[in-house]
Amino acid sequence: MPAFTRGKSQLSAYEVEETRKIANVRIHVERVIGLVRRKYQILQSRAVPIEHMLTKPGEALAFIDKIGVICCALSNLSVSVVPLE
C-alpha cells in the first residue's frame, strides 16, 4: 500500500487521475532537466567551487543558480521537446 493513500486501501478515481496527470508532467520535467544538463557542459561538472554555491550579501541567487537560470532560459528558447497539441 503506497504511503500517500493516508490509510485508505485505494485511491479514489479522481485521485488516480490526478496522480496520472502529475506523473505525466513529472516525466517531461525530468526529461527536460536531463536535456539541459547534457546540452550545457557547465552543468556537467561534478566539482563546483563552494564559493559558487553561496549567496553573496545583497544578491538573491548564488552564482550556480544564476548559471542554471540562464541555461534553462536558453533551453526555453529552443524547440520544445514536448509535442504541442
N, C-alpha and C. Protein backbone atom coordinates (compact mmCIF):
# COMPACT_ATOMS: atom_id res chain seq x y z
N MET A 1 0.85 -1.18 0.00
CA MET A 1 0.00 0.00 0.00
C MET A 1 0.90 1.24 0.00
N PRO A 2 0.70 2.14 -0.94
CA PRO A 2 1.50 3.35 -1.00
C PRO A 2 1.32 4.21 0.24
N ALA A 3 2.37 4.90 0.63
CA ALA A 3 2.34 5.74 1.83
C ALA A 3 1.40 6.92 1.68
N PHE A 4 1.18 7.37 0.44
CA PHE A 4 0.40 8.59 0.23
C PHE A 4 -1.11 8.34 0.20
N THR A 5 -1.57 7.11 0.46
CA THR A 5 -3.01 6.85 0.44
C THR A 5 -3.68 7.24 1.75
N ARG A 6 -2.89 7.65 2.74
CA ARG A 6 -3.39 8.14 4.03
C ARG A 6 -4.30 7.14 4.72
N GLY A 7 -3.88 5.87 4.76
CA GLY A 7 -4.63 4.86 5.48
C GLY A 7 -5.75 4.21 4.69
N LYS A 8 -6.09 4.75 3.52
CA LYS A 8 -7.14 4.14 2.70
C LYS A 8 -6.53 2.98 1.91
N SER A 9 -7.35 2.01 1.57
CA SER A 9 -6.84 0.87 0.81
C SER A 9 -6.62 1.21 -0.65
N GLN A 10 -7.39 2.17 -1.19
CA GLN A 10 -7.25 2.57 -2.59
C GLN A 10 -7.44 4.07 -2.73
N LEU A 11 -6.93 4.58 -3.83
CA LEU A 11 -7.19 5.97 -4.17
C LEU A 11 -8.54 6.05 -4.88
N SER A 12 -9.18 7.18 -4.76
CA SER A 12 -10.44 7.38 -5.49
C SER A 12 -10.13 7.55 -6.97
N ALA A 13 -11.15 7.45 -7.81
CA ALA A 13 -10.96 7.60 -9.25
C ALA A 13 -10.36 8.98 -9.57
N TYR A 14 -10.82 10.00 -8.86
CA TYR A 14 -10.30 11.35 -9.06
C TYR A 14 -8.81 11.40 -8.70
N GLU A 15 -8.45 10.81 -7.55
CA GLU A 15 -7.05 10.82 -7.11
C GLU A 15 -6.16 10.04 -8.06
N VAL A 16 -6.67 8.94 -8.62
CA VAL A 16 -5.90 8.16 -9.59
C VAL A 16 -5.63 9.01 -10.82
N GLU A 17 -6.65 9.72 -11.31
CA GLU A 17 -6.48 10.55 -12.50
C GLU A 17 -5.50 11.70 -12.23
N GLU A 18 -5.61 12.34 -11.08
CA GLU A 18 -4.69 13.42 -10.72
C GLU A 18 -3.26 12.90 -10.61
N THR A 19 -3.09 11.72 -10.03
CA THR A 19 -1.76 11.12 -9.90
C THR A 19 -1.18 10.84 -11.28
N ARG A 20 -1.99 10.36 -12.19
CA ARG A 20 -1.52 10.10 -13.56
C ARG A 20 -1.08 11.39 -14.25
N LYS A 21 -1.87 12.45 -14.07
CA LYS A 21 -1.52 13.74 -14.68
C LYS A 21 -0.19 14.25 -14.14
N ILE A 22 -0.02 14.16 -12.83
CA ILE A 22 1.23 14.61 -12.21
C ILE A 22 2.40 13.77 -12.70
N ALA A 23 2.21 12.46 -12.79
CA ALA A 23 3.28 11.57 -13.26
C ALA A 23 3.66 11.90 -14.70
N ASN A 24 2.67 12.23 -15.53
CA ASN A 24 2.94 12.57 -16.92
C ASN A 24 3.77 13.85 -17.02
N VAL A 25 3.42 14.85 -16.23
CA VAL A 25 4.18 16.10 -16.22
C VAL A 25 5.57 15.86 -15.67
N ARG A 26 5.69 15.06 -14.61
CA ARG A 26 6.99 14.77 -14.00
C ARG A 26 7.94 14.13 -15.01
N ILE A 27 7.43 13.25 -15.85
CA ILE A 27 8.26 12.62 -16.88
C ILE A 27 8.86 13.67 -17.80
N HIS A 28 8.03 14.62 -18.24
CA HIS A 28 8.51 15.67 -19.14
C HIS A 28 9.52 16.58 -18.44
N VAL A 29 9.25 16.92 -17.19
CA VAL A 29 10.16 17.79 -16.43
C VAL A 29 11.51 17.10 -16.28
N GLU A 30 11.52 15.82 -15.91
CA GLU A 30 12.78 15.10 -15.76
C GLU A 30 13.52 14.99 -17.08
N ARG A 31 12.78 14.81 -18.18
CA ARG A 31 13.41 14.73 -19.49
C ARG A 31 14.07 16.06 -19.86
N VAL A 32 13.39 17.16 -19.60
CA VAL A 32 13.93 18.48 -19.92
C VAL A 32 15.15 18.79 -19.05
N ILE A 33 15.09 18.44 -17.77
CA ILE A 33 16.25 18.65 -16.90
C ILE A 33 17.44 17.88 -17.44
N GLY A 34 17.23 16.63 -17.86
CA GLY A 34 18.31 15.84 -18.44
C GLY A 34 18.86 16.46 -19.71
N LEU A 35 17.97 16.98 -20.56
CA LEU A 35 18.42 17.62 -21.79
C LEU A 35 19.25 18.86 -21.50
N VAL A 36 18.81 19.67 -20.55
CA VAL A 36 19.55 20.88 -20.19
C VAL A 36 20.92 20.50 -19.66
N ARG A 37 20.98 19.50 -18.80
CA ARG A 37 22.28 19.09 -18.22
C ARG A 37 23.23 18.57 -19.29
N ARG A 38 22.69 17.86 -20.29
CA ARG A 38 23.55 17.33 -21.36
C ARG A 38 23.94 18.41 -22.36
N LYS A 39 23.06 19.38 -22.56
CA LYS A 39 23.30 20.41 -23.58
C LYS A 39 24.37 21.41 -23.16
N TYR A 40 24.39 21.76 -21.87
CA TYR A 40 25.30 22.80 -21.40
C TYR A 40 26.38 22.16 -20.53
N GLN A 41 27.59 22.15 -21.06
CA GLN A 41 28.70 21.47 -20.41
C GLN A 41 28.99 22.02 -19.02
N ILE A 42 28.71 23.28 -18.79
CA ILE A 42 28.98 23.88 -17.49
C ILE A 42 28.17 23.20 -16.39
N LEU A 43 27.04 22.58 -16.76
CA LEU A 43 26.20 21.88 -15.78
C LEU A 43 26.62 20.43 -15.59
N GLN A 44 27.57 19.95 -16.39
CA GLN A 44 28.01 18.56 -16.30
C GLN A 44 29.12 18.36 -15.29
N SER A 45 29.70 19.42 -14.81
CA SER A 45 30.80 19.33 -13.87
C SER A 45 30.31 18.79 -12.53
N ARG A 46 31.06 17.84 -11.97
CA ARG A 46 30.71 17.28 -10.66
C ARG A 46 31.29 18.13 -9.53
N ALA A 47 32.42 18.78 -9.78
CA ALA A 47 33.08 19.58 -8.75
C ALA A 47 32.76 21.05 -8.99
N VAL A 48 32.04 21.63 -8.04
CA VAL A 48 31.69 23.04 -8.11
C VAL A 48 32.34 23.73 -6.93
N PRO A 49 33.10 24.79 -7.18
CA PRO A 49 33.71 25.50 -6.05
C PRO A 49 32.65 25.98 -5.06
N ILE A 50 32.94 25.88 -3.80
CA ILE A 50 31.98 26.23 -2.76
C ILE A 50 31.53 27.68 -2.85
N GLU A 51 32.41 28.56 -3.32
CA GLU A 51 32.01 29.97 -3.43
C GLU A 51 30.93 30.17 -4.49
N HIS A 52 30.79 29.25 -5.43
CA HIS A 52 29.72 29.34 -6.43
C HIS A 52 28.37 28.91 -5.85
N MET A 53 28.42 28.21 -4.72
CA MET A 53 27.20 27.70 -4.10
C MET A 53 26.62 28.68 -3.07
N LEU A 54 27.40 29.68 -2.70
CA LEU A 54 26.98 30.60 -1.65
C LEU A 54 26.34 31.86 -2.24
N THR A 55 25.32 32.33 -1.59
CA THR A 55 24.67 33.58 -2.00
C THR A 55 25.42 34.75 -1.38
N LYS A 56 25.82 35.69 -2.21
CA LYS A 56 26.53 36.86 -1.71
C LYS A 56 25.53 37.83 -1.08
N PRO A 57 26.00 38.60 -0.10
CA PRO A 57 25.10 39.59 0.53
C PRO A 57 24.53 40.55 -0.51
N GLY A 58 23.24 40.76 -0.44
CA GLY A 58 22.58 41.68 -1.36
C GLY A 58 22.13 41.04 -2.66
N GLU A 59 22.41 39.75 -2.85
CA GLU A 59 22.00 39.05 -4.07
C GLU A 59 20.98 37.98 -3.72
N ALA A 60 20.07 37.72 -4.64
CA ALA A 60 19.01 36.75 -4.39
C ALA A 60 19.44 35.32 -4.71
N LEU A 61 20.37 35.18 -5.66
CA LEU A 61 20.78 33.85 -6.10
C LEU A 61 22.28 33.66 -6.01
N ALA A 62 22.68 32.42 -5.77
CA ALA A 62 24.10 32.06 -5.83
C ALA A 62 24.52 32.01 -7.29
N PHE A 63 25.82 32.05 -7.54
CA PHE A 63 26.34 32.05 -8.91
C PHE A 63 25.87 30.82 -9.68
N ILE A 64 25.90 29.64 -9.04
CA ILE A 64 25.49 28.41 -9.72
C ILE A 64 24.00 28.45 -10.07
N ASP A 65 23.20 29.09 -9.23
CA ASP A 65 21.77 29.23 -9.52
C ASP A 65 21.56 30.13 -10.73
N LYS A 66 22.36 31.19 -10.83
CA LYS A 66 22.26 32.10 -11.98
C LYS A 66 22.61 31.36 -13.27
N ILE A 67 23.64 30.51 -13.20
CA ILE A 67 24.02 29.71 -14.37
C ILE A 67 22.86 28.80 -14.77
N GLY A 68 22.24 28.17 -13.79
CA GLY A 68 21.10 27.29 -14.07
C GLY A 68 19.94 28.03 -14.69
N VAL A 69 19.65 29.21 -14.20
CA VAL A 69 18.55 30.02 -14.74
C VAL A 69 18.83 30.38 -16.20
N ILE A 70 20.06 30.79 -16.49
CA ILE A 70 20.41 31.16 -17.87
C ILE A 70 20.32 29.94 -18.79
N CYS A 71 20.82 28.80 -18.34
CA CYS A 71 20.76 27.58 -19.16
C CYS A 71 19.30 27.19 -19.43
N CYS A 72 18.46 27.29 -18.43
CA CYS A 72 17.04 26.97 -18.61
C CYS A 72 16.36 27.97 -19.54
N ALA A 73 16.71 29.24 -19.41
CA ALA A 73 16.14 30.26 -20.29
C ALA A 73 16.54 30.00 -21.74
N LEU A 74 17.81 29.67 -21.97
CA LEU A 74 18.25 29.35 -23.32
C LEU A 74 17.54 28.10 -23.85
N SER A 75 17.34 27.15 -22.98
CA SER A 75 16.62 25.93 -23.38
C SER A 75 15.17 26.24 -23.74
N ASN A 76 14.56 27.18 -23.01
CA ASN A 76 13.18 27.57 -23.31
C ASN A 76 13.06 28.23 -24.68
N LEU A 77 14.14 28.81 -25.15
CA LEU A 77 14.13 29.44 -26.48
C LEU A 77 14.31 28.42 -27.60
N SER A 78 14.68 27.19 -27.24
CA SER A 78 14.87 26.12 -28.21
C SER A 78 13.53 25.49 -28.58
N VAL A 79 13.58 24.59 -29.55
CA VAL A 79 12.38 23.86 -29.96
C VAL A 79 11.91 22.98 -28.81
N SER A 80 10.62 22.90 -28.59
CA SER A 80 10.04 22.15 -27.48
C SER A 80 10.28 20.65 -27.64
N VAL A 81 10.54 19.97 -26.51
CA VAL A 81 10.69 18.51 -26.53
C VAL A 81 9.33 17.85 -26.35
N VAL A 82 8.35 18.60 -25.91
CA VAL A 82 7.00 18.08 -25.72
C VAL A 82 6.18 18.50 -26.93
N PRO A 83 5.57 17.53 -27.62
CA PRO A 83 4.76 17.92 -28.78
C PRO A 83 3.59 18.80 -28.36
N LEU A 84 3.39 19.89 -29.07
CA LEU A 84 2.28 20.79 -28.78
C LEU A 84 1.03 20.21 -29.44
N GLU A 85 -0.07 20.31 -28.71
CA GLU A 85 -1.31 19.69 -29.19
C GLU A 85 -1.94 20.45 -30.30
